[in-house]
Amino acid sequence: VRCMLTSISADIPATRKLCGFFSHNARRGCSKCLKEFVTDQFNSKPDYSGFDNASWIARDHASHMHVLNQIKQKKLVLERKAVQKAWGVRYSELVRLPYFDLVRCHVVDPMHNLLLGTAKYMMSVWKDESLISKSDYQNMQDTVDRIRVPLNIGRIPHKVESQVSSLTADQWKNWVLIYSIPALLSILSQEHLECWSLFVEACSFILKPIINIDDIMEGDSKLTQFCKCYEQLYGKNKCTPNMHLHLHLKQCLFDY
């Protein structure tokens, strides 16, 4: 049997460990670019804000392999760790595959990035910012229950009422694309609803069963607008690694 590994698709921690990148809370915690996520003080949360991706220096296979060779040549442990920390990478067994590009062959996938990432996180943000109260969840559930959908689209029975604690990825998709705007219309203020609408529009392009180049470009544009709007509304401290990775989705969609 002969086989070829074409891509790695997993959540952030698993992808980092498998491909030899540092975790998302490292100074260089992105596996697609060299943007630095600085911290104000020791053990504080890194700053994931700043969505001007034109200024981000992309990682590439040649420089990645050059750094790994440097690490391999260092005899002292401290010297090795210094290079690893500077670049946010360490050795992976996948390096032994001569055809495998560790940078481009791991995927930022929409399920983890958009649905189980930002869509889920936004509910906790609205709760923390006191934009949604306990009674609002029941009102949202009532709205969801009144919406009639085709039989091939799943419903969300009593999941909103229980503060969406156990939605599957597919239910998060339905929540974002179908139920969320009507359910939040009378709850969120206009500026918060408009910000969320940008994310919903982006998902409507990216999560299609079949997408084309125009869909990818439009989805990327909406995600960029969402991230910048989100930072203005909720502040730098509320930005997440998934939001940074939103702006790397375009390249992964083009590749795969």
C-alpha atoms as a PDB file:
ATOM      1  CA  VAL A   1       0.000   0.000   0.000  1.00  0.00           C
ATOM      2  CA  ARG A   2       1.271   3.471  -0.891  1.00  0.00           C
ATOM      3  CA  CYS A   3      -0.330   6.564   0.534  1.00  0.00           C
ATOM      4  CA  MET A   4       0.325  10.306   0.635  1.00  0.00           C
ATOM      5  CA  LEU A   5      -0.599  12.735   3.380  1.00  0.00           C
ATOM      6  CA  THR A   6      -2.385  15.715   1.798  1.00  0.00           C
ATOM      7  CA  SER A   7      -3.503  17.827   4.754  1.00  0.00           C
ATOM      8  CA  ILE A   8      -3.893  18.129   8.507  1.00  0.00           C
ATOM      9  CA  SER A   9      -7.329  19.243   9.712  1.00  0.00           C
ATOM     10  CA  ALA A  10      -7.964  19.538  13.456  1.00  0.00           C
ATOM     11  CA  ASP A  11      -8.603  22.060  16.207  1.00  0.00           C
ATOM     12  CA  ILE A  12      -5.872  24.548  17.151  1.00  0.00           C
ATOM     13  CA  PRO A  13      -4.144  22.574  19.985  1.00  0.00           C
ATOM     14  CA  ALA A  14      -3.987  19.316  18.001  1.00  0.00           C
ATOM     15  CA  THR A  15      -2.743  21.032  14.841  1.00  0.00           C
ATOM     16  CA  ARG A  16      -0.013  22.860  16.735  1.00  0.00           C
ATOM     17  CA  LYS A  17       1.239  19.711  18.464  1.00  0.00           C
ATOM     18  CA  LEU A  18       1.155  17.557  15.338  1.00  0.00           C
ATOM     19  CA  CYS A  19       2.833  20.060  13.023  1.00  0.00           C
ATOM     20  CA  GLY A  20       5.434  21.352  15.482  1.00  0.00           C
ATOM     21  CA  PHE A  21       4.126  24.887  16.044  1.00  0.00           C
ATOM     22  CA  PHE A  22       3.943  26.575  19.433  1.00  0.00           C
ATOM     23  CA  SER A  23       0.526  26.910  21.094  1.00  0.00           C
ATOM     24  CA  HIS A  24      -1.772  29.825  20.278  1.00  0.00           C
ATOM     25  CA  ASN A  25      -0.796  31.709  23.449  1.00  0.00           C
ATOM     26  CA  ALA A  26       2.900  31.872  22.465  1.00  0.00           C
ATOM     27  CA  ARG A  27       4.428  35.164  21.311  1.00  0.00           C
ATOM     28  CA  ARG A  28       4.453  33.817  17.758  1.00  0.00           C
ATOM     29  CA  GLY A  29       1.381  31.648  18.178  1.00  0.00           C
ATOM     30  CA  CYS A  30       0.112  31.695  14.605  1.00  0.00           C
ATOM     31  CA  SER A  31       1.036  28.761  12.381  1.00  0.00           C
ATOM     32  CA  LYS A  32       0.354  30.710   9.183  1.00  0.00           C
ATOM     33  CA  CYS A  33       2.193  34.016   9.769  1.00  0.00           C
ATOM     34  CA  LEU A  34       4.855  35.620  11.956  1.00  0.00           C
ATOM     35  CA  LYS A  35       2.654  38.205  13.693  1.00  0.00           C
ATOM     36  CA  GLU A  36       3.647  38.585  17.339  1.00  0.00           C
ATOM     37  CA  PHE A  37       0.996  38.396  20.046  1.00  0.00           C
ATOM     38  CA  VAL A  38       2.477  40.491  22.838  1.00  0.00           C
ATOM     39  CA  THR A  39       1.501  40.387  26.526  1.00  0.00           C
ATOM     40  CA  ASP A  40       1.354  43.357  28.916  1.00  0.00           C
ATOM     41  CA  GLN A  41       2.845  41.386  31.778  1.00  0.00           C
ATOM     42  CA  PHE A  42       3.930  37.873  32.688  1.00  0.00           C
ATOM     43  CA  ASN A  43       1.174  35.270  32.479  1.00  0.00           C
ATOM     44  CA  SER A  44      -1.359  37.729  31.024  1.00  0.00           C
ATOM     45  CA  LYS A  45      -3.466  37.013  27.944  1.00  0.00           C
ATOM     46  CA  PRO A  46      -1.725  37.739  24.603  1.00  0.00           C
ATOM     47  CA  ASP A  47      -3.079  40.574  22.475  1.00  0.00           C
ATOM     48  CA  TYR A  48      -4.791  39.026  19.434  1.00  0.00           C
ATOM     49  CA  SER A  49      -6.128  42.327  18.120  1.00  0.00           C
ATOM     50  CA  GLY A  50      -4.988  44.125  14.976  1.00  0.00           C
ATOM     51  CA  PHE A  51      -6.499  42.873  11.756  1.00  0.00           C
ATOM     52  CA  ASP A  52      -4.408  44.662   9.146  1.00  0.00           C
ATOM     53  CA  ASN A  53      -3.317  41.419   7.515  1.00  0.00           C
ATOM     54  CA  ALA A  54      -1.497  43.242   4.688  1.00  0.00           C
ATOM     55  CA  SER A  55       1.313  43.853   7.185  1.00  0.00           C
ATOM     56  CA  TRP A  56       1.561  40.226   8.346  1.00  0.00           C
ATOM     57  CA  ILE A  57       4.621  38.309   7.173  1.00  0.00           C
ATOM     58  CA  ALA A  58       3.496  34.889   5.950  1.00  0.00           C
ATOM     59  CA  ARG A  59       5.311  31.730   6.949  1.00  0.00           C
ATOM     60  CA  ASP A  60       6.589  29.682   4.009  1.00  0.00           C
ATOM     61  CA  HIS A  61       8.037  26.219   3.551  1.00  0.00           C
ATOM     62  CA  ALA A  62      11.601  27.265   2.646  1.00  0.00           C
ATOM     63  CA  SER A  63      12.149  29.552   5.638  1.00  0.00           C
ATOM     64  CA  HIS A  64      10.355  27.068   7.910  1.00  0.00           C
ATOM     65  CA  MET A  65      12.746  24.282   6.921  1.00  0.00           C
ATOM     66  CA  HIS A  66      15.708  26.659   7.315  1.00  0.00           C
ATOM     67  CA  VAL A  67      14.685  27.398  10.910  1.00  0.00           C
ATOM     68  CA  LEU A  68      14.200  23.694  11.684  1.00  0.00           C
ATOM     69  CA  ASN A  69      17.692  22.977  10.334  1.00  0.00           C
ATOM     70  CA  GLN A  70      19.067  25.718  12.583  1.00  0.00           C
ATOM     71  CA  ILE A  71      17.342  24.121  15.579  1.00  0.00           C
ATOM     72  CA  LYS A  72      18.716  20.711  14.634  1.00  0.00           C
ATOM     73  CA  GLN A  73      22.272  22.065  14.446  1.00  0.00           C
ATOM     74  CA  LYS A  74      22.201  23.651  17.908  1.00  0.00           C
ATOM     75  CA  LYS A  75      24.061  21.443  20.366  1.00  0.00           C
ATOM     76  CA  LEU A  76      23.047  23.201  23.582  1.00  0.00           C
ATOM     77  CA  VAL A  77      19.463  22.891  24.840  1.00  0.00           C
ATOM     78  CA  LEU A  78      19.238  26.605  25.722  1.00  0.00           C
ATOM     79  CA  GLU A  79      20.377  27.614  22.235  1.00  0.00           C
ATOM     80  CA  ARG A  80      17.814  25.278  20.687  1.00  0.00           C
ATOM     81  CA  LYS A  81      15.028  26.665  22.859  1.00  0.00           C
ATOM     82  CA  ALA A  82      16.000  30.250  22.013  1.00  0.00           C
ATOM     83  CA  VAL A  83      15.584  29.611  18.274  1.00  0.00           C
ATOM     84  CA  GLN A  84      12.353  27.703  18.854  1.00  0.00           C
ATOM     85  CA  LYS A  85      10.904  30.548  20.919  1.00  0.00           C
ATOM     86  CA  ALA A  86      11.987  33.200  18.419  1.00  0.00           C
ATOM     87  CA  TRP A  87      10.112  31.484  15.580  1.00  0.00           C
ATOM     88  CA  GLY A  88       7.379  29.632  17.451  1.00  0.00           C
ATOM     89  CA  VAL A  89       8.278  26.239  15.979  1.00  0.00           C
ATOM     90  CA  ARG A  90       9.784  22.933  17.038  1.00  0.00           C
ATOM     91  CA  TYR A  91      10.647  19.684  15.273  1.00  0.00           C
ATOM     92  CA  SER A  92       7.841  17.499  13.884  1.00  0.00           C
ATOM     93  CA  GLU A  93       8.138  13.976  12.468  1.00  0.00           C
ATOM     94  CA  LEU A  94       6.207  15.246   9.428  1.00  0.00           C
ATOM     95  CA  VAL A  95       9.411  17.034   8.365  1.00  0.00           C
ATOM     96  CA  ARG A  96      10.640  13.634   7.168  1.00  0.00           C
ATOM     97  CA  LEU A  97       8.039  13.658   4.374  1.00  0.00           C
ATOM     98  CA  PRO A  98       9.942  15.366   1.526  1.00  0.00           C
ATOM     99  CA  TYR A  99       6.796  16.499  -0.301  1.00  0.00           C
ATOM    100  CA  PHE A 100       4.915  17.829   2.745  1.00  0.00           C
ATOM    101  CA  ASP A 101       4.632  21.598   3.286  1.00  0.00           C
ATOM    102  CA  LEU A 102       3.981  21.978   7.027  1.00  0.00           C
ATOM    103  CA  VAL A 103       2.767  25.573   6.620  1.00  0.00           C
ATOM    104  CA  ARG A 104       0.272  25.180   3.783  1.00  0.00           C
ATOM    105  CA  CYS A 105      -0.728  21.571   4.403  1.00  0.00           C
ATOM    106  CA  HIS A 106      -2.468  22.221   7.703  1.00  0.00           C
ATOM    107  CA  VAL A 107      -5.952  23.648   7.380  1.00  0.00           C
ATOM    108  CA  VAL A 108      -7.813  26.370   9.227  1.00  0.00           C
ATOM    109  CA  ASP A 109     -11.185  24.649   8.904  1.00  0.00           C
ATOM    110  CA  PRO A 110     -14.491  26.549   9.107  1.00  0.00           C
ATOM    111  CA  MET A 111     -16.105  24.083  11.534  1.00  0.00           C
ATOM    112  CA  HIS A 112     -13.613  24.738  14.340  1.00  0.00           C
ATOM    113  CA  ASN A 113     -12.733  28.283  13.339  1.00  0.00           C
ATOM    114  CA  LEU A 114     -16.155  29.793  12.653  1.00  0.00           C
ATOM    115  CA  LEU A 115     -18.786  27.585  14.281  1.00  0.00           C
ATOM    116  CA  LEU A 116     -17.175  26.016  17.363  1.00  0.00           C
ATOM    117  CA  GLY A 117     -14.902  29.069  17.620  1.00  0.00           C
ATOM    118  CA  THR A 118     -16.316  32.554  17.142  1.00  0.00           C
ATOM    119  CA  ALA A 119     -20.036  31.691  16.865  1.00  0.00           C
ATOM    120  CA  LYS A 120     -19.914  29.911  20.225  1.00  0.00           C
ATOM    121  CA  TYR A 121     -17.660  32.539  21.790  1.00  0.00           C
ATOM    122  CA  MET A 122     -19.950  35.435  20.827  1.00  0.00           C
ATOM    123  CA  MET A 123     -22.730  34.070  23.038  1.00  0.00           C
ATOM    124  CA  SER A 124     -20.438  34.257  26.072  1.00  0.00           C
ATOM    125  CA  VAL A 125     -19.276  37.763  25.073  1.00  0.00           C
ATOM    126  CA  TRP A 126     -22.852  39.064  24.927  1.00  0.00           C
ATOM    127  CA  LYS A 127     -23.550  37.452  28.284  1.00  0.00           C
ATOM    128  CA  ASP A 128     -20.402  38.914  29.891  1.00  0.00           C
ATOM    129  CA  GLU A 129     -21.197  42.364  28.475  1.00  0.00           C
ATOM    130  CA  SER A 130     -24.756  42.093  29.887  1.00  0.00           C
ATOM    131  CA  LEU A 131     -26.208  42.415  26.398  1.00  0.00           C
ATOM    132  CA  ILE A 132     -28.278  39.246  26.912  1.00  0.00           C
ATOM    133  CA  SER A 133     -30.185  38.471  30.110  1.00  0.00           C
ATOM    134  CA  LYS A 134     -31.633  35.173  31.354  1.00  0.00           C
ATOM    135  CA  SER A 135     -35.105  36.144  30.190  1.00  0.00           C
ATOM    136  CA  ASP A 136     -33.730  36.946  26.713  1.00  0.00           C
ATOM    137  CA  TYR A 137     -32.781  33.296  26.194  1.00  0.00           C
ATOM    138  CA  GLN A 138     -36.404  32.276  26.570  1.00  0.00           C
ATOM    139  CA  ASN A 139     -37.496  35.005  24.143  1.00  0.00           C
ATOM    140  CA  MET A 140     -34.867  33.826  21.667  1.00  0.00           C
ATOM    141  CA  GLN A 141     -36.098  30.241  22.025  1.00  0.00           C
ATOM    142  CA  ASP A 142     -39.675  31.369  21.350  1.00  0.00           C
ATOM    143  CA  THR A 143     -38.523  33.107  18.161  1.00  0.00           C
ATOM    144  CA  VAL A 144     -36.549  30.059  17.039  1.00  0.00           C
ATOM    145  CA  ASP A 145     -39.558  27.796  17.658  1.00  0.00           C
ATOM    146  CA  ARG A 146     -41.774  29.997  15.468  1.00  0.00           C
ATOM    147  CA  ILE A 147     -39.434  29.784  12.463  1.00  0.00           C
ATOM    148  CA  ARG A 148     -40.505  27.144   9.948  1.00  0.00           C
ATOM    149  CA  VAL A 149     -37.660  25.484   8.061  1.00  0.00           C
ATOM    150  CA  PRO A 150     -37.479  22.677   5.453  1.00  0.00           C
ATOM    151  CA  LEU A 151     -37.320  19.144   6.829  1.00  0.00           C
ATOM    152  CA  ASN A 152     -33.678  18.695   5.808  1.00  0.00           C
ATOM    153  CA  ILE A 153     -32.608  21.576   8.092  1.00  0.00           C
ATOM    154  CA  GLY A 154     -32.284  20.636  11.741  1.00  0.00           C
ATOM    155  CA  ARG A 155     -34.083  22.510  14.479  1.00  0.00           C
ATOM    156  CA  ILE A 156     -32.605  23.641  17.816  1.00  0.00           C
ATOM    157  CA  PRO A 157     -35.040  22.165  20.369  1.00  0.00           C
ATOM    158  CA  HIS A 158     -34.730  23.891  23.771  1.00  0.00           C
ATOM    159  CA  LYS A 159     -30.996  24.461  23.217  1.00  0.00           C
ATOM    160  CA  VAL A 160     -31.221  28.281  23.151  1.00  0.00           C
ATOM    161  CA  GLU A 161     -33.365  28.346  26.269  1.00  0.00           C
ATOM    162  CA  SER A 162     -30.636  26.413  28.122  1.00  0.00           C
ATOM    163  CA  GLN A 163     -28.106  29.074  27.006  1.00  0.00           C
ATOM    164  CA  VAL A 164     -26.804  27.054  24.009  1.00  0.00           C
ATOM    165  CA  SER A 165     -24.619  24.897  26.219  1.00  0.00           C
ATOM    166  CA  SER A 166     -24.660  21.790  24.044  1.00  0.00           C
ATOM    167  CA  LEU A 167     -25.093  22.716  20.387  1.00  0.00           C
ATOM    168  CA  THR A 168     -23.376  20.530  17.812  1.00  0.00           C
ATOM    169  CA  ALA A 169     -21.355  22.121  15.007  1.00  0.00           C
ATOM    170  CA  ASP A 170     -24.241  21.549  12.605  1.00  0.00           C
ATOM    171  CA  GLN A 171     -26.666  23.247  15.010  1.00  0.00           C
ATOM    172  CA  TRP A 172     -24.265  26.186  15.373  1.00  0.00           C
ATOM    173  CA  LYS A 173     -24.309  26.464  11.583  1.00  0.00           C
ATOM    174  CA  ASN A 174     -28.114  26.599  11.548  1.00  0.00           C
ATOM    175  CA  TRP A 175     -28.103  29.071  14.423  1.00  0.00           C
ATOM    176  CA  VAL A 176     -25.735  31.415  12.587  1.00  0.00           C
ATOM    177  CA  LEU A 177     -27.250  31.224   9.116  1.00  0.00           C
ATOM    178  CA  ILE A 178     -30.974  30.884   9.869  1.00  0.00           C
ATOM    179  CA  TYR A 179     -32.032  31.609  13.427  1.00  0.00           C
ATOM    180  CA  SER A 180     -29.636  34.133  14.967  1.00  0.00           C
ATOM    181  CA  ILE A 181     -30.643  37.381  13.214  1.00  0.00           C
ATOM    182  CA  PRO A 182     -34.419  37.012  13.853  1.00  0.00           C
ATOM    183  CA  ALA A 183     -33.762  35.828  17.424  1.00  0.00           C
ATOM    184  CA  LEU A 184     -31.408  38.714  18.264  1.00  0.00           C
ATOM    185  CA  LEU A 185     -33.289  41.443  16.397  1.00  0.00           C
ATOM    186  CA  SER A 186     -35.152  42.794  19.426  1.00  0.00           C
ATOM    187  CA  ILE A 187     -32.367  42.017  21.937  1.00  0.00           C
ATOM    188  CA  LEU A 188     -29.081  43.455  20.641  1.00  0.00           C
ATOM    189  CA  SER A 189     -28.650  47.147  19.907  1.00  0.00           C
ATOM    190  CA  GLN A 190     -28.214  48.192  16.278  1.00  0.00           C
ATOM    191  CA  GLU A 191     -24.410  48.491  16.374  1.00  0.00           C
ATOM    192  CA  HIS A 192     -23.956  45.072  17.973  1.00  0.00           C
ATOM    193  CA  LEU A 193     -26.447  43.482  15.598  1.00  0.00           C
ATOM    194  CA  GLU A 194     -24.736  45.045  12.569  1.00  0.00           C
ATOM    195  CA  CYS A 195     -21.381  43.680  13.741  1.00  0.00           C
ATOM    196  CA  TRP A 196     -22.846  40.190  14.143  1.00  0.00           C
ATOM    197  CA  SER A 197     -24.520  40.503  10.729  1.00  0.00           C
ATOM    198  CA  LEU A 198     -21.081  40.846   9.125  1.00  0.00           C
ATOM    199  CA  PHE A 199     -20.098  37.480  10.605  1.00  0.00           C
ATOM    200  CA  VAL A 200     -23.374  35.905   9.434  1.00  0.00           C
ATOM    201  CA  GLU A 201     -22.841  37.253   5.907  1.00  0.00           C
ATOM    202  CA  ALA A 202     -19.286  35.897   5.854  1.00  0.00           C
ATOM    203  CA  CYS A 203     -20.522  32.450   6.907  1.00  0.00           C
ATOM    204  CA  SER A 204     -23.234  32.543   4.247  1.00  0.00           C
ATOM    205  CA  PHE A 205     -20.501  32.744   1.593  1.00  0.00           C
ATOM    206  CA  ILE A 206     -17.926  30.405   3.155  1.00  0.00           C
ATOM    207  CA  LEU A 207     -20.238  27.637   4.403  1.00  0.00           C
ATOM    208  CA  LYS A 208     -21.955  26.974   1.070  1.00  0.00           C
ATOM    209  CA  PRO A 209     -21.870  23.352  -0.153  1.00  0.00           C
ATOM    210  CA  ILE A 210     -20.164  24.646  -3.312  1.00  0.00           C
ATOM    211  CA  ILE A 211     -18.170  27.879  -3.342  1.00  0.00           C
ATOM    212  CA  ASN A 212     -16.359  29.824  -6.044  1.00  0.00           C
ATOM    213  CA  ILE A 213     -13.605  32.456  -6.026  1.00  0.00           C
ATOM    214  CA  ASP A 214     -16.068  35.341  -5.678  1.00  0.00           C
ATOM    215  CA  ASP A 215     -17.621  33.671  -2.617  1.00  0.00           C
ATOM    216  CA  ILE A 216     -14.192  33.288  -1.010  1.00  0.00           C
ATOM    217  CA  MET A 217     -13.239  36.909  -1.670  1.00  0.00           C
ATOM    218  CA  GLU A 218     -16.582  38.223  -0.398  1.00  0.00           C
ATOM    219  CA  GLY A 219     -16.449  36.003   2.684  1.00  0.00           C
ATOM    220  CA  ASP A 220     -12.920  37.167   3.467  1.00  0.00           C
ATOM    221  CA  SER A 221     -13.949  40.820   3.087  1.00  0.00           C
ATOM    222  CA  LYS A 222     -16.884  40.381   5.484  1.00  0.00           C
ATOM    223  CA  LEU A 223     -14.714  38.556   8.034  1.00  0.00           C
ATOM    224  CA  THR A 224     -12.153  41.364   7.935  1.00  0.00           C
ATOM    225  CA  GLN A 225     -14.897  43.939   8.486  1.00  0.00           C
ATOM    226  CA  PHE A 226     -16.340  41.848  11.326  1.00  0.00           C
ATOM    227  CA  CYS A 227     -12.991  41.509  13.122  1.00  0.00           C
ATOM    228  CA  LYS A 228     -12.283  45.244  12.928  1.00  0.00           C
ATOM    229  CA  CYS A 229     -15.813  46.127  14.033  1.00  0.00           C
ATOM    230  CA  TYR A 230     -15.609  43.575  16.865  1.00  0.00           C
ATOM    231  CA  GLU A 231     -12.346  45.085  18.148  1.00  0.00           C
ATOM    232  CA  GLN A 232     -13.901  48.564  18.222  1.00  0.00           C
ATOM    233  CA  LEU A 233     -17.015  47.388  20.082  1.00  0.00           C
ATOM    234  CA  TYR A 234     -15.570  44.930  22.591  1.00  0.00           C
ATOM    235  CA  GLY A 235     -11.917  45.928  22.923  1.00  0.00           C
ATOM    236  CA  LYS A 236      -8.547  44.271  22.377  1.00  0.00           C
ATOM    237  CA  ASN A 237      -8.801  41.982  25.395  1.00  0.00           C
ATOM    238  CA  LYS A 238     -11.834  40.212  23.933  1.00  0.00           C
ATOM    239  CA  CYS A 239     -10.107  39.332  20.635  1.00  0.00           C
ATOM    240  CA  THR A 240      -9.261  35.641  20.181  1.00  0.00           C
ATOM    241  CA  PRO A 241      -6.821  33.442  18.207  1.00  0.00           C
ATOM    242  CA  ASN A 242      -9.755  32.215  16.109  1.00  0.00           C
ATOM    243  CA  MET A 243     -10.462  35.775  14.984  1.00  0.00           C
ATOM    244  CA  HIS A 244      -6.859  36.161  13.864  1.00  0.00           C
ATOM    245  CA  LEU A 245      -7.176  32.864  11.964  1.00  0.00           C
ATOM    246  CA  HIS A 246     -10.341  34.123  10.240  1.00  0.00           C
ATOM    247  CA  LEU A 247      -8.074  36.145   7.976  1.00  0.00           C
ATOM    248  CA  HIS A 248      -6.063  33.030   7.044  1.00  0.00           C
ATOM    249  CA  LEU A 249      -9.170  31.131   5.937  1.00  0.00           C
ATOM    250  CA  LYS A 250      -9.014  32.611   2.427  1.00  0.00           C
ATOM    251  CA  GLN A 251      -5.698  30.961   1.573  1.00  0.00           C
ATOM    252  CA  CYS A 252      -6.855  27.610   2.941  1.00  0.00           C
ATOM    253  CA  LEU A 253     -10.035  27.817   0.860  1.00  0.00           C
ATOM    254  CA  PHE A 254      -8.012  28.610  -2.244  1.00  0.00           C
ATOM    255  CA  ASP A 255      -5.660  25.681  -1.548  1.00  0.00           C
ATOM    256  CA  TYR A 256      -8.319  23.081  -0.831  1.00  0.00           C
END
